[in-house]
C-alpha cells in the first residue's frame, strides 16, 4: 500500500484540505502521513546569530512551543476526519521544526512515503506557487500532488498529461495508470508541437495504437496542441484543460526543457487565475 505525505500550510484552515486528501487516499488505496512544518524565519536566525546565547534559547523554546501546540491541534483534526469518513486513513500526524522540502525528501529516500500532497495558496494559481511549494515541487524526488485551495474531492476521470513527448513519458504513463487501482480514468497525452500536421503524422504512424499497447490501456489518447513562436505555453495548456473539462493535469519534471518553459512564462494573464484543478508532477 502506498503512503502519501500531506503537508499542511495553514493549520487554522486545514480541515477541507485534509478531507480532500482523505477522499483521494481512499480512492488511491493509500495511507496518509500528515505533517505541519515550522521553519524559523530569516529574521529569527539573524537574531540568534547576533545576540547572546540566552536569545537563542528563547527563540528555540518559542519554536518548540509552537510545534507542540500544532502537533496537538493536528491530531485533533485528523482524528475528527477519520471519524467522519469511518476510516483510519491517517497513520501519523505530527508537527516538527525544519525545512519541508529537506525533511520530505529524506522521508522519500528512506522509503517512508511514496508521494507528497501540498495545498496551493488562494492568492496563487498552480503556475505561481509560493517559494516553499516550488521548492517541494522541484527538489523532492517523488510525485507531488498540488491541490487547489478550498477544493472538494471527486475521483479523477479526465486527465491531461501535458508533454512535448520524451521516451520517459511511456514510463510515467504506466505509473499514472497504476496510481488508480480501482478504476481507469481517461488520459489525454497532450503533445505540444510546432508542427501543424502532427495529428496526421501520428495517425499514419499508428502512434496511438503503439502507446496503448505499450501501456496496456485503451483509455489513453493523443492530441496535438499547436504552438507558434508567439504563443504562451502556459496559456495554451490552461485553455485546453478548461475546454476539455479536465479534472487533473499531469506534468513530467524530468522533461526539463518543457518544465522550465512552463515556469519561465509570464504570469500576468487572467486565464492563469481561472484554472482550478489539481496538478500532479511526476519525477523520474
Foldseek 3Di string as FASTA:
>chain_A
DAEEEEEDEDLVQCLQVVLQVLVLCVQLVYAYEYEYEDEDDPVLVVCCVPDDPVSVVVVVVVQVVVQVVSQVSQVVSLVVSCVVVVHNRHPYYGYYYDQPQVVQLVCVVVVVHAEYEYEADLVAFPLDGDPSVVSNLQPRAHKYKYAYPPDHHDDFAEEEEEDLDDPCVLVVVLVVQSSRVPDGHAYEDEHEEQDPCVVVVCVVVVVQVVSCVSSVHPRYHYDYQHDDPPDQPLLSVLVVCVVVVGQEYEYEVVVPVVVVSSNVTDPPDPSSSVDRHMYMYGYD
